[in-house]
Amino acid sequence: MSYSNKDISSLIVDFLNNAISTKAVSEDNADSLNVAIDCITETFDFDRDDVKPIVASKFGGQSLSDLLANGTNSTQSIETESVKVNIPVEDAEIKAKAESLKLEGNKAMAGRDFALAIEKYSDAIKTLPTNAIYYANRAAAHSSLKQYDDAINDAEEAIKIDPAYSKGYSRLGFAKYAQGKPEEALEAYKKVLDIEGDKATDVMKRDYETAKKKVEQSLNLEKSTQVEPASTKDASEPASDASAGAGNPFAGGMPDMSSMLGGGLGGLLNNPQLMQAAQQMMSDPNAMSKVQSMMQNPAVRQMAENFSGGNGGMPNFDDLMNNPAIRDMAGSLFGGANAGNPNTGKDDESK
């Protein structure tokens, strides 16, 4: 059975974790081991949470100490391959110096001295500017100080150097999410999953789901703030009913004229129905012609003469309004512009 570098490094991290948890090393040395663990997990691209499952599935839950003590076939089956790499001495020295600076930056991160971490990562970048890991690490330090614009710049530079380096997209997604841009964060986290495929860790999946949930919440909030406009028809119907009544104040029939006049002139002026009819009559451009037409009626002319001459006192309005001719003319005068013209609607339809 062959093992990947990730499997072997997980076994080593498990050993180091046990050394820290059992206090087999001093507290100062424990800090150094934590830095070493960070370097190993970052180099072989896995998280501490992945160590136990890998050791359980690949090595039957046995620790490195157990495997070495028992001399099982598992350790004997590990295949090692030596590859001869021709690296110029000067290049090797540059890389070693850059890696040393990176480790100092990692140690500063573990101690939460993020400003120092940025300084060390920057020195590593100056020494070897073609390593995407240095930019991604500095992006994490910037994010820890809430310097998200700088974090995004470093993450994008890491992606430019190595488009297949998922940590670059992960750092980008974190900074975008912190800036309140869940849609862009979701795109970055989606790229992480695309690159990793089946090797995607639970942490990577959780980041993606968190951004996805935030985007869905934003969409639901936008939908809930949209107000459905009221129906124009519903709003206009009551107004139409009201205007129909206002068009003819005597639509329900002629008022009791004797009760109106019972209070004298003041009773007339205080009667809202009669005042409404008077206002409508004054607004009717044909009102004067209707008055002239009414004055041609002998009964009306006689009543007007009695008023002007003071003969006979006030007329009997009950008798007067029982006269069909007088009632029709009064309805025509006070009924509004459309009174006595039932074809108005038909004229509109025929045009």
Protein backbone atom coordinates (compact mmCIF):
# COMPACT_ATOMS: atom_id res chain seq x y z
CA MET A 1 0.00 0.00 0.00
CA SER A 2 1.39 3.38 -0.97
CA TYR A 3 0.95 6.58 0.98
CA SER A 4 0.87 10.14 -0.21
CA ASN A 5 2.97 12.92 1.23
CA LYS A 6 -0.20 14.26 2.81
CA ASP A 7 -0.77 10.94 4.62
CA ILE A 8 2.78 10.83 5.94
CA SER A 9 2.79 14.47 7.00
CA SER A 10 -0.52 13.90 8.81
CA LEU A 11 1.15 11.11 10.76
CA ILE A 12 3.96 13.48 11.72
CA VAL A 13 1.52 16.25 12.75
CA ASP A 14 -0.35 13.71 14.85
CA PHE A 15 2.92 12.87 16.60
CA LEU A 16 3.67 16.54 17.26
CA ASN A 17 0.13 17.17 18.53
CA ASN A 18 0.49 14.30 20.97
CA ALA A 19 3.81 15.70 22.19
CA ILE A 20 2.14 19.05 22.90
CA SER A 21 -1.01 17.62 24.51
CA THR A 22 0.96 15.25 26.79
CA LYS A 23 3.34 18.10 27.67
CA ALA A 24 6.32 16.07 26.55
CA VAL A 25 7.97 19.39 25.67
CA SER A 26 8.25 22.71 27.48
CA GLU A 27 5.81 25.51 26.82
CA ASP A 28 8.36 27.46 24.77
CA ASN A 29 9.12 24.41 22.67
CA ALA A 30 5.40 23.78 22.31
CA ASP A 31 5.11 27.16 20.55
CA SER A 32 7.85 26.09 18.17
CA LEU A 33 6.05 22.82 17.48
CA ASN A 34 2.84 24.74 16.73
CA VAL A 35 4.73 26.80 14.19
CA ALA A 36 6.14 23.61 12.70
CA ILE A 37 2.64 22.13 12.49
CA ASP A 38 1.38 25.25 10.71
CA CYS A 39 4.21 24.98 8.21
CA ILE A 40 3.59 21.28 7.55
CA THR A 41 -0.19 21.65 7.14
CA GLU A 42 0.23 24.64 4.87
CA THR A 43 2.93 23.00 2.75
CA PHE A 44 0.94 19.80 2.21
CA ASP A 45 -2.39 21.66 2.14
CA PHE A 46 -4.49 20.16 4.90
CA ASP A 47 -5.89 21.31 8.25
CA ARG A 48 -5.31 20.06 11.75
CA ASP A 49 -8.89 18.82 11.85
CA ASP A 50 -8.05 16.42 9.00
CA VAL A 51 -5.22 14.66 10.89
CA LYS A 52 -7.24 12.23 13.02
CA PRO A 53 -9.46 11.01 10.13
CA ILE A 54 -6.41 10.48 7.89
CA VAL A 55 -4.47 8.57 10.57
CA ALA A 56 -7.54 6.45 11.32
CA SER A 57 -8.23 5.56 7.68
CA LYS A 58 -4.65 5.15 6.44
CA PHE A 59 -2.86 3.79 9.49
CA GLY A 60 -5.63 2.08 11.41
CA GLY A 61 -5.54 4.75 14.09
CA GLN A 62 -1.95 3.88 15.06
CA SER A 63 0.41 6.70 15.93
CA LEU A 64 3.88 7.13 14.50
CA SER A 65 5.37 5.73 17.71
CA ASP A 66 3.14 2.65 17.50
CA LEU A 67 4.08 1.96 13.90
CA LEU A 68 7.79 2.27 14.57
CA ALA A 69 7.61 0.14 17.71
CA ASN A 70 5.61 -2.63 16.13
CA GLY A 71 7.48 -2.62 12.85
CA THR A 72 4.25 -3.27 10.99
CA ASN A 73 4.00 -3.73 7.30
CA SER A 74 2.35 -0.36 7.05
CA THR A 75 5.61 1.43 7.61
CA GLN A 76 7.53 -1.00 5.46
CA SER A 77 5.18 -0.41 2.57
CA ILE A 78 5.81 3.30 2.48
CA GLU A 79 7.54 4.01 -0.76
CA THR A 80 10.18 6.65 -0.83
CA GLU A 81 11.46 8.04 -4.03
CA SER A 82 14.58 10.12 -4.29
CA VAL A 83 14.53 12.66 -7.05
CA LYS A 84 17.70 14.34 -8.07
CA VAL A 85 17.08 18.07 -8.35
CA ASN A 86 19.70 20.33 -9.75
CA ILE A 87 19.34 23.62 -7.90
CA PRO A 88 22.06 26.21 -8.23
CA VAL A 89 23.76 26.94 -4.92
CA GLU A 90 22.82 30.61 -4.99
CA ASP A 91 19.17 29.78 -5.69
CA ALA A 92 19.11 27.29 -2.85
CA GLU A 93 20.50 29.92 -0.50
CA ILE A 94 17.87 32.43 -1.57
CA LYS A 95 15.09 29.92 -1.08
CA ALA A 96 16.44 28.89 2.32
CA LYS A 97 16.57 32.53 3.42
CA ALA A 98 13.02 33.17 2.18
CA GLU A 99 11.74 30.06 3.94
CA SER A 100 13.46 31.12 7.15
CA LEU A 101 11.71 34.51 6.96
CA LYS A 102 8.41 32.79 6.26
CA LEU A 103 8.84 30.60 9.36
CA GLU A 104 9.50 33.72 11.41
CA GLY A 105 6.30 35.16 10.02
CA ASN A 106 4.42 31.98 10.92
CA LYS A 107 5.76 32.17 14.44
CA ALA A 108 4.63 35.79 14.71
CA MET A 109 1.17 34.74 13.50
CA ALA A 110 1.02 32.03 16.17
CA GLY A 111 1.87 34.70 18.74
CA ARG A 112 -0.78 37.01 17.25
CA ASP A 113 1.83 39.62 16.42
CA PHE A 114 0.30 40.28 13.04
CA ALA A 115 2.29 43.43 12.28
CA LEU A 116 5.55 41.52 12.74
CA ALA A 117 4.18 38.68 10.63
CA ILE A 118 3.48 41.12 7.79
CA GLU A 119 7.02 42.43 8.08
CA LYS A 120 8.57 38.95 7.90
CA TYR A 121 6.38 37.83 5.01
CA SER A 122 7.25 41.05 3.17
CA ASP A 123 10.94 40.30 3.62
CA ALA A 124 10.36 36.78 2.30
CA ILE A 125 8.57 38.23 -0.75
CA LYS A 126 11.45 40.61 -1.40
CA THR A 127 13.84 37.68 -1.21
CA LEU A 128 11.77 35.34 -3.39
CA PRO A 129 8.84 37.17 -5.04
CA THR A 130 7.69 34.18 -7.09
CA ASN A 131 6.32 32.13 -4.18
CA ALA A 132 2.51 32.33 -3.94
CA ILE A 133 2.54 31.01 -0.35
CA TYR A 134 4.25 34.14 0.96
CA TYR A 135 1.56 36.37 -0.52
CA ALA A 136 -1.24 34.16 0.81
CA ASN A 137 0.31 34.17 4.29
CA ARG A 138 0.64 37.94 4.25
CA ALA A 139 -2.98 38.19 3.11
CA ALA A 140 -3.99 36.23 6.22
CA ALA A 141 -1.99 38.62 8.41
CA HIS A 142 -3.61 41.65 6.78
CA SER A 143 -7.07 40.16 7.33
CA SER A 144 -6.23 39.59 11.00
CA LEU A 145 -5.65 43.36 11.25
CA LYS A 146 -8.84 44.04 9.24
CA GLN A 147 -6.74 45.44 6.39
CA TYR A 148 -8.97 43.76 3.86
CA ASP A 149 -7.97 45.78 0.79
CA ASP A 150 -4.34 44.79 1.31
CA ALA A 151 -5.41 41.21 1.94
CA ILE A 152 -7.29 41.15 -1.36
CA ASN A 153 -4.29 42.53 -3.24
CA ASP A 154 -2.02 39.83 -1.80
CA ALA A 155 -4.55 37.08 -2.45
CA GLU A 156 -4.94 38.15 -6.06
CA GLU A 157 -1.16 38.25 -6.46
CA ALA A 158 -0.93 34.71 -5.09
CA ILE A 159 -3.56 33.58 -7.60
CA LYS A 160 -1.69 35.31 -10.42
CA ILE A 161 1.53 33.48 -9.51
CA ASP A 162 -0.15 30.09 -9.05
CA PRO A 163 -3.76 29.82 -10.29
CA ALA A 164 -3.93 26.26 -8.95
CA TYR A 165 -3.08 27.35 -5.40
CA SER A 166 -6.40 27.11 -3.55
CA LYS A 167 -5.19 29.04 -0.51
CA GLY A 168 -5.03 32.17 -2.66
CA TYR A 169 -8.75 31.90 -3.39
CA SER A 170 -9.47 31.02 0.22
CA ARG A 171 -7.73 34.20 1.45
CA LEU A 172 -9.59 36.19 -1.20
CA GLY A 173 -12.95 34.75 -0.15
CA PHE A 174 -12.33 35.55 3.51
CA ALA A 175 -11.45 39.20 2.82
CA LYS A 176 -14.39 39.67 0.44
CA TYR A 177 -16.79 38.19 2.98
CA ALA A 178 -15.42 40.46 5.71
CA GLN A 179 -16.02 43.46 3.42
CA GLY A 180 -19.69 42.54 3.15
CA LYS A 181 -19.42 41.12 -0.37
CA PRO A 182 -20.80 37.59 0.05
CA GLU A 183 -21.42 37.12 -3.69
CA GLU A 184 -17.74 37.68 -4.53
CA ALA A 185 -16.70 35.59 -1.53
CA LEU A 186 -18.92 32.77 -2.77
CA GLU A 187 -17.21 32.84 -6.16
CA ALA A 188 -13.79 32.58 -4.52
CA TYR A 189 -14.82 29.73 -2.22
CA LYS A 190 -16.41 27.94 -5.18
CA LYS A 191 -13.05 28.12 -6.94
CA VAL A 192 -11.42 26.52 -3.89
CA LEU A 193 -13.78 23.56 -4.12
CA ASP A 194 -13.26 23.29 -7.87
CA ILE A 195 -9.48 23.12 -7.43
CA GLU A 196 -9.53 20.68 -4.51
CA GLY A 197 -12.30 18.43 -5.82
CA ASP A 198 -12.62 15.32 -3.64
CA LYS A 199 -9.73 16.54 -1.49
CA ALA A 200 -11.72 19.55 -0.25
CA THR A 201 -11.66 19.70 3.54
CA ASP A 202 -14.61 20.27 5.84
CA VAL A 203 -13.30 23.76 6.54
CA MET A 204 -13.33 24.62 2.82
CA LYS A 205 -16.86 23.29 2.45
CA ARG A 206 -17.99 25.17 5.54
CA ASP A 207 -16.60 28.45 4.19
CA TYR A 208 -18.51 27.93 0.95
CA GLU A 209 -21.78 27.10 2.71
CA THR A 210 -21.46 30.12 5.00
CA ALA A 211 -21.06 32.49 2.04
CA LYS A 212 -23.87 30.76 0.16
CA LYS A 213 -26.24 31.15 3.11
CA LYS A 214 -25.39 34.84 3.37
CA VAL A 215 -26.14 35.38 -0.31
CA GLU A 216 -29.49 33.59 0.03
CA GLN A 217 -30.39 35.73 3.05
CA SER A 218 -29.60 38.88 1.07
CA LEU A 219 -31.84 37.76 -1.79
CA ASN A 220 -34.70 36.93 0.58
CA LEU A 221 -34.36 40.34 2.23
CA GLU A 222 -34.60 42.10 -1.12
CA LYS A 223 -37.76 40.19 -1.98
CA SER A 224 -39.39 40.98 1.36
CA THR A 225 -38.81 44.74 0.92
CA GLN A 226 -40.63 44.84 -2.42
CA VAL A 227 -44.21 46.10 -1.85
CA GLU A 228 -46.95 44.89 -4.17
CA PRO A 229 -48.69 47.98 -5.70
CA ALA A 230 -52.37 48.38 -4.90
CA SER A 231 -54.89 47.64 -7.64
CA THR A 232 -55.85 50.75 -9.58
CA LYS A 233 -59.30 49.34 -10.06
CA ASP A 234 -59.87 48.80 -6.35
CA ALA A 235 -58.68 52.30 -5.52
CA SER A 236 -60.90 53.93 -8.14
CA GLU A 237 -64.15 52.11 -7.43
CA PRO A 238 -65.08 53.98 -4.23
CA ALA A 239 -64.27 57.29 -5.93
CA SER A 240 -66.57 56.39 -8.84
CA ASP A 241 -69.41 55.62 -6.47
CA ALA A 242 -68.87 58.88 -4.65
CA SER A 243 -68.70 60.91 -7.84
CA ALA A 244 -71.94 59.36 -9.04
CA GLY A 245 -73.71 60.64 -5.96
CA ALA A 246 -72.04 64.04 -6.26
CA GLY A 247 -73.13 64.37 -9.85
CA ASN A 248 -76.82 64.61 -8.90
CA PRO A 249 -77.62 65.65 -5.31
CA PHE A 250 -81.27 64.79 -5.94
CA ALA A 251 -80.51 61.31 -7.27
CA GLY A 252 -82.60 59.83 -4.49
CA GLY A 253 -85.57 62.11 -5.31
CA MET A 254 -86.58 65.71 -4.71
CA PRO A 255 -86.24 66.94 -1.10
CA ASP A 256 -89.15 67.91 1.12
CA MET A 257 -89.34 71.61 0.25
CA SER A 258 -91.78 72.44 3.03
CA SER A 259 -89.37 71.12 5.68
CA MET A 260 -86.55 73.12 4.08
CA LEU A 261 -88.51 76.35 4.24
CA GLY A 262 -89.81 75.70 7.70
CA GLY A 263 -86.74 77.39 9.16
CA GLY A 264 -86.95 80.37 6.88
CA LEU A 265 -84.07 81.63 4.78
CA GLY A 266 -81.58 80.41 7.36
CA GLY A 267 -82.98 76.92 7.00
CA LEU A 268 -82.39 77.04 3.29
CA LEU A 269 -78.80 78.27 3.62
CA ASN A 270 -78.01 75.64 6.23
CA ASN A 271 -79.41 72.77 4.21
CA PRO A 272 -76.37 70.92 2.71
CA GLN A 273 -78.40 69.20 0.02
CA LEU A 274 -79.82 72.42 -1.34
CA MET A 275 -76.46 74.23 -1.09
CA GLN A 276 -74.79 71.43 -3.01
CA ALA A 277 -77.47 71.68 -5.69
CA ALA A 278 -76.99 75.45 -5.89
CA GLN A 279 -73.21 75.09 -6.27
CA GLN A 280 -73.65 72.51 -9.00
CA MET A 281 -76.16 74.72 -10.79
CA MET A 282 -73.71 77.66 -10.73
CA SER A 283 -71.02 75.46 -12.28
CA ASP A 284 -73.36 74.35 -15.09
CA PRO A 285 -72.71 76.49 -18.21
CA ASN A 286 -76.30 75.80 -19.34
CA ALA A 287 -77.85 76.99 -16.07
CA MET A 288 -78.95 80.40 -17.41
CA SER A 289 -80.69 78.90 -20.43
CA LYS A 290 -82.48 76.48 -18.10
CA VAL A 291 -83.66 79.38 -15.90
CA GLN A 292 -84.92 81.27 -18.96
CA SER A 293 -86.73 78.14 -20.12
CA MET A 294 -88.37 77.76 -16.69
CA MET A 295 -89.52 81.37 -16.73
CA GLN A 296 -91.51 80.63 -19.86
CA ASN A 297 -93.76 78.37 -17.75
CA PRO A 298 -96.86 80.36 -16.66
CA ALA A 299 -96.96 78.82 -13.19
CA VAL A 300 -93.35 79.74 -12.49
CA ARG A 301 -93.83 83.23 -13.90
CA GLN A 302 -96.90 83.70 -11.73
CA MET A 303 -94.95 82.57 -8.65
CA ALA A 304 -92.13 85.01 -9.48
CA GLU A 305 -94.64 87.86 -9.85
CA ASN A 306 -96.17 87.04 -6.46
CA PHE A 307 -92.68 87.18 -4.91
CA SER A 308 -91.79 90.49 -6.51
CA GLY A 309 -95.19 92.11 -5.79
CA GLY A 310 -95.60 90.76 -2.31
CA ASN A 311 -98.99 89.31 -3.16
CA GLY A 312 -100.31 86.28 -1.41
CA GLY A 313 -97.25 85.73 0.80
CA MET A 314 -95.11 82.61 0.46
CA PRO A 315 -96.47 80.04 -1.97
CA ASN A 316 -97.48 76.58 -0.82
CA PHE A 317 -94.41 74.56 -1.81
CA ASP A 318 -96.14 71.24 -1.19
CA ASP A 319 -98.72 72.16 -3.79
CA LEU A 320 -96.10 73.65 -6.05
CA MET A 321 -93.82 70.57 -6.00
CA ASN A 322 -96.79 68.28 -6.66
CA ASN A 323 -97.04 69.99 -10.05
CA PRO A 324 -95.31 67.53 -12.48
CA ALA A 325 -94.08 70.33 -14.73
CA ILE A 326 -92.47 72.21 -11.83
CA ARG A 327 -90.85 69.01 -10.52
CA ASP A 328 -89.36 68.21 -13.93
CA MET A 329 -87.96 71.71 -14.35
CA ALA A 330 -86.52 71.72 -10.83
CA GLY A 331 -84.88 68.37 -11.49
CA SER A 332 -83.45 69.67 -14.76
CA LEU A 333 -82.11 72.81 -13.09
CA PHE A 334 -80.58 71.23 -9.97
CA GLY A 335 -79.75 67.81 -11.38
CA GLY A 336 -76.46 68.98 -12.90
CA ALA A 337 -75.16 69.16 -16.38
CA ASN A 338 -76.17 65.59 -17.19
CA ALA A 339 -79.67 65.75 -15.71
CA GLY A 340 -82.32 64.91 -18.23
CA ASN A 341 -79.64 63.68 -20.65
CA PRO A 342 -79.48 59.90 -20.24
CA ASN A 343 -77.66 59.46 -23.57
CA THR A 344 -74.46 61.10 -22.43
CA GLY A 345 -72.79 57.72 -21.95
CA LYS A 346 -74.16 56.46 -25.26
CA ASP A 347 -72.73 59.51 -27.03
CA ASP A 348 -69.29 58.68 -25.69
CA GLU A 349 -69.61 55.11 -26.90
CA SER A 350 -70.69 56.14 -30.39
CA LYS A 351 -67.80 58.51 -31.01
